[in-house]
Amino acid sequence: MINISTSSAGHIVPDYSRYLICCAVVVAATLPVVVLFPFFQDKSEKGVIAGEIKG
């Protein structure tokens, strides 16, 4: 639920702080994976090739 408050000028201002915190947590959790993936991409490709089933 979004809390709605009134500013000093009388405008209705929704409170999005809960969603901003949630978005910041998601970004903070995915950022290390996105940053480190290019450095370990060659190792992950070798692991996929070595683990495939040859028949």
N, C-alpha and C. Protein backbone atom coordinates (compact mmCIF):
# COMPACT_ATOMS: atom_id res chain seq x y z
N MET A 1 0.83 -1.17 0.00
CA MET A 1 0.00 0.00 0.00
C MET A 1 0.89 1.24 0.00
N ILE A 2 0.54 2.19 -0.84
CA ILE A 2 1.30 3.44 -0.93
C ILE A 2 0.65 4.48 -0.02
N ASN A 3 1.46 5.04 0.87
CA ASN A 3 0.97 6.10 1.74
C ASN A 3 0.94 7.40 0.96
N ILE A 4 -0.12 8.15 1.10
CA ILE A 4 -0.26 9.42 0.39
C ILE A 4 -0.30 10.53 1.43
N SER A 5 0.57 11.52 1.24
CA SER A 5 0.61 12.65 2.16
C SER A 5 0.43 13.94 1.36
N THR A 6 0.25 15.02 2.08
CA THR A 6 0.07 16.32 1.44
C THR A 6 1.30 17.18 1.73
N SER A 7 1.84 17.79 0.68
CA SER A 7 3.01 18.64 0.85
C SER A 7 2.60 20.00 1.41
N SER A 8 3.57 20.83 1.68
CA SER A 8 3.27 22.16 2.25
C SER A 8 2.51 23.04 1.26
N ALA A 9 2.66 22.75 -0.03
CA ALA A 9 1.96 23.55 -1.03
C ALA A 9 0.55 23.02 -1.29
N GLY A 10 0.18 21.92 -0.62
CA GLY A 10 -1.15 21.37 -0.79
C GLY A 10 -1.24 20.30 -1.86
N HIS A 11 -0.10 19.93 -2.45
CA HIS A 11 -0.09 18.89 -3.47
C HIS A 11 -0.10 17.51 -2.81
N ILE A 12 -0.74 16.55 -3.46
CA ILE A 12 -0.76 15.18 -2.95
C ILE A 12 0.51 14.48 -3.43
N VAL A 13 1.29 13.96 -2.48
CA VAL A 13 2.57 13.34 -2.79
C VAL A 13 2.57 11.90 -2.28
N PRO A 14 2.67 10.90 -3.20
CA PRO A 14 2.72 9.52 -2.73
C PRO A 14 4.09 9.20 -2.12
N ASP A 15 4.11 8.29 -1.16
CA ASP A 15 5.35 7.90 -0.49
C ASP A 15 5.87 6.60 -1.12
N TYR A 16 6.91 6.71 -1.93
CA TYR A 16 7.46 5.57 -2.64
C TYR A 16 8.70 4.99 -1.96
N SER A 17 8.98 5.36 -0.71
CA SER A 17 10.22 4.94 -0.07
C SER A 17 10.33 3.42 0.04
N ARG A 18 9.23 2.73 0.26
CA ARG A 18 9.27 1.27 0.35
C ARG A 18 9.74 0.66 -0.97
N TYR A 19 9.25 1.19 -2.09
CA TYR A 19 9.63 0.66 -3.39
C TYR A 19 11.06 1.05 -3.76
N LEU A 20 11.49 2.21 -3.34
CA LEU A 20 12.87 2.62 -3.60
C LEU A 20 13.85 1.73 -2.86
N ILE A 21 13.53 1.37 -1.62
CA ILE A 21 14.39 0.49 -0.84
C ILE A 21 14.43 -0.89 -1.48
N CYS A 22 13.28 -1.39 -1.90
CA CYS A 22 13.21 -2.70 -2.55
C CYS A 22 14.04 -2.70 -3.84
N CYS A 23 13.91 -1.66 -4.64
CA CYS A 23 14.66 -1.56 -5.89
C CYS A 23 16.16 -1.46 -5.62
N ALA A 24 16.55 -0.74 -4.60
CA ALA A 24 17.96 -0.61 -4.25
C ALA A 24 18.54 -1.95 -3.80
N VAL A 25 17.76 -2.74 -3.08
CA VAL A 25 18.22 -4.07 -2.65
C VAL A 25 18.40 -4.99 -3.84
N VAL A 26 17.48 -4.94 -4.79
CA VAL A 26 17.59 -5.77 -5.99
C VAL A 26 18.82 -5.39 -6.80
N VAL A 27 19.05 -4.10 -6.97
CA VAL A 27 20.22 -3.64 -7.72
C VAL A 27 21.51 -4.03 -6.99
N ALA A 28 21.54 -3.88 -5.68
CA ALA A 28 22.73 -4.23 -4.90
C ALA A 28 23.00 -5.72 -4.96
N ALA A 29 21.96 -6.54 -5.07
CA ALA A 29 22.15 -7.99 -5.13
C ALA A 29 22.62 -8.45 -6.50
N THR A 30 22.18 -7.80 -7.56
CA THR A 30 22.55 -8.23 -8.92
C THR A 30 23.82 -7.57 -9.44
N LEU A 31 24.21 -6.46 -8.88
CA LEU A 31 25.38 -5.73 -9.38
C LEU A 31 26.67 -6.55 -9.34
N PRO A 32 26.99 -7.27 -8.25
CA PRO A 32 28.23 -8.05 -8.26
C PRO A 32 28.25 -9.13 -9.35
N VAL A 33 27.11 -9.75 -9.62
CA VAL A 33 27.04 -10.77 -10.66
C VAL A 33 27.30 -10.14 -12.03
N VAL A 34 26.71 -9.00 -12.28
CA VAL A 34 26.88 -8.32 -13.57
C VAL A 34 28.32 -7.84 -13.75
N VAL A 35 28.93 -7.37 -12.68
CA VAL A 35 30.30 -6.86 -12.77
C VAL A 35 31.32 -8.00 -12.93
N LEU A 36 31.12 -9.11 -12.21
CA LEU A 36 32.10 -10.19 -12.23
C LEU A 36 31.90 -11.19 -13.38
N PHE A 37 30.74 -11.21 -14.00
CA PHE A 37 30.47 -12.19 -15.06
C PHE A 37 31.47 -12.14 -16.20
N PRO A 38 31.84 -10.98 -16.74
CA PRO A 38 32.80 -10.98 -17.86
C PRO A 38 34.16 -11.59 -17.51
N PHE A 39 34.57 -11.50 -16.26
CA PHE A 39 35.87 -12.03 -15.87
C PHE A 39 35.86 -13.56 -15.77
N PHE A 40 34.72 -14.14 -15.46
CA PHE A 40 34.61 -15.59 -15.29
C PHE A 40 33.85 -16.27 -16.42
N GLN A 41 33.56 -15.53 -17.49
CA GLN A 41 32.78 -16.08 -18.59
C GLN A 41 33.51 -17.22 -19.28
N ASP A 42 34.81 -17.09 -19.48
CA ASP A 42 35.56 -18.15 -20.17
C ASP A 42 35.58 -19.44 -19.34
N LYS A 43 35.66 -19.32 -18.03
CA LYS A 43 35.65 -20.50 -17.17
C LYS A 43 34.28 -21.18 -17.17
N SER A 44 33.23 -20.39 -17.20
CA SER A 44 31.90 -20.98 -17.23
C SER A 44 31.64 -21.67 -18.57
N GLU A 45 32.16 -21.12 -19.67
CA GLU A 45 32.01 -21.76 -20.97
C GLU A 45 32.76 -23.08 -21.01
N LYS A 46 33.96 -23.13 -20.45
CA LYS A 46 34.73 -24.38 -20.41
C LYS A 46 34.01 -25.43 -19.58
N GLY A 47 33.38 -25.01 -18.49
CA GLY A 47 32.64 -25.94 -17.65
C GLY A 47 31.42 -26.51 -18.37
N VAL A 48 30.76 -25.67 -19.15
CA VAL A 48 29.59 -26.16 -19.89
C VAL A 48 30.03 -27.14 -20.97
N ILE A 49 31.12 -26.83 -21.66
CA ILE A 49 31.62 -27.74 -22.71
C ILE A 49 32.10 -29.05 -22.10
N ALA A 50 32.79 -29.00 -20.99
CA ALA A 50 33.29 -30.22 -20.34
C ALA A 50 32.16 -31.05 -19.75
N GLY A 51 31.06 -30.45 -19.39
CA GLY A 51 29.98 -31.17 -18.75
C GLY A 51 28.91 -31.69 -19.69
N GLU A 52 29.04 -31.42 -20.97
CA GLU A 52 28.00 -31.87 -21.90
C GLU A 52 28.08 -33.39 -22.08
N ILE A 53 26.97 -33.99 -22.39
CA ILE A 53 26.90 -35.43 -22.58
C ILE A 53 27.21 -35.75 -24.04
N LYS A 54 28.19 -36.58 -24.22
CA LYS A 54 28.56 -36.98 -25.58
C LYS A 54 27.95 -38.34 -25.86
N GLY A 55 27.25 -38.43 -26.93
CA GLY A 55 26.61 -39.70 -27.20
C GLY A 55 26.71 -40.02 -28.60
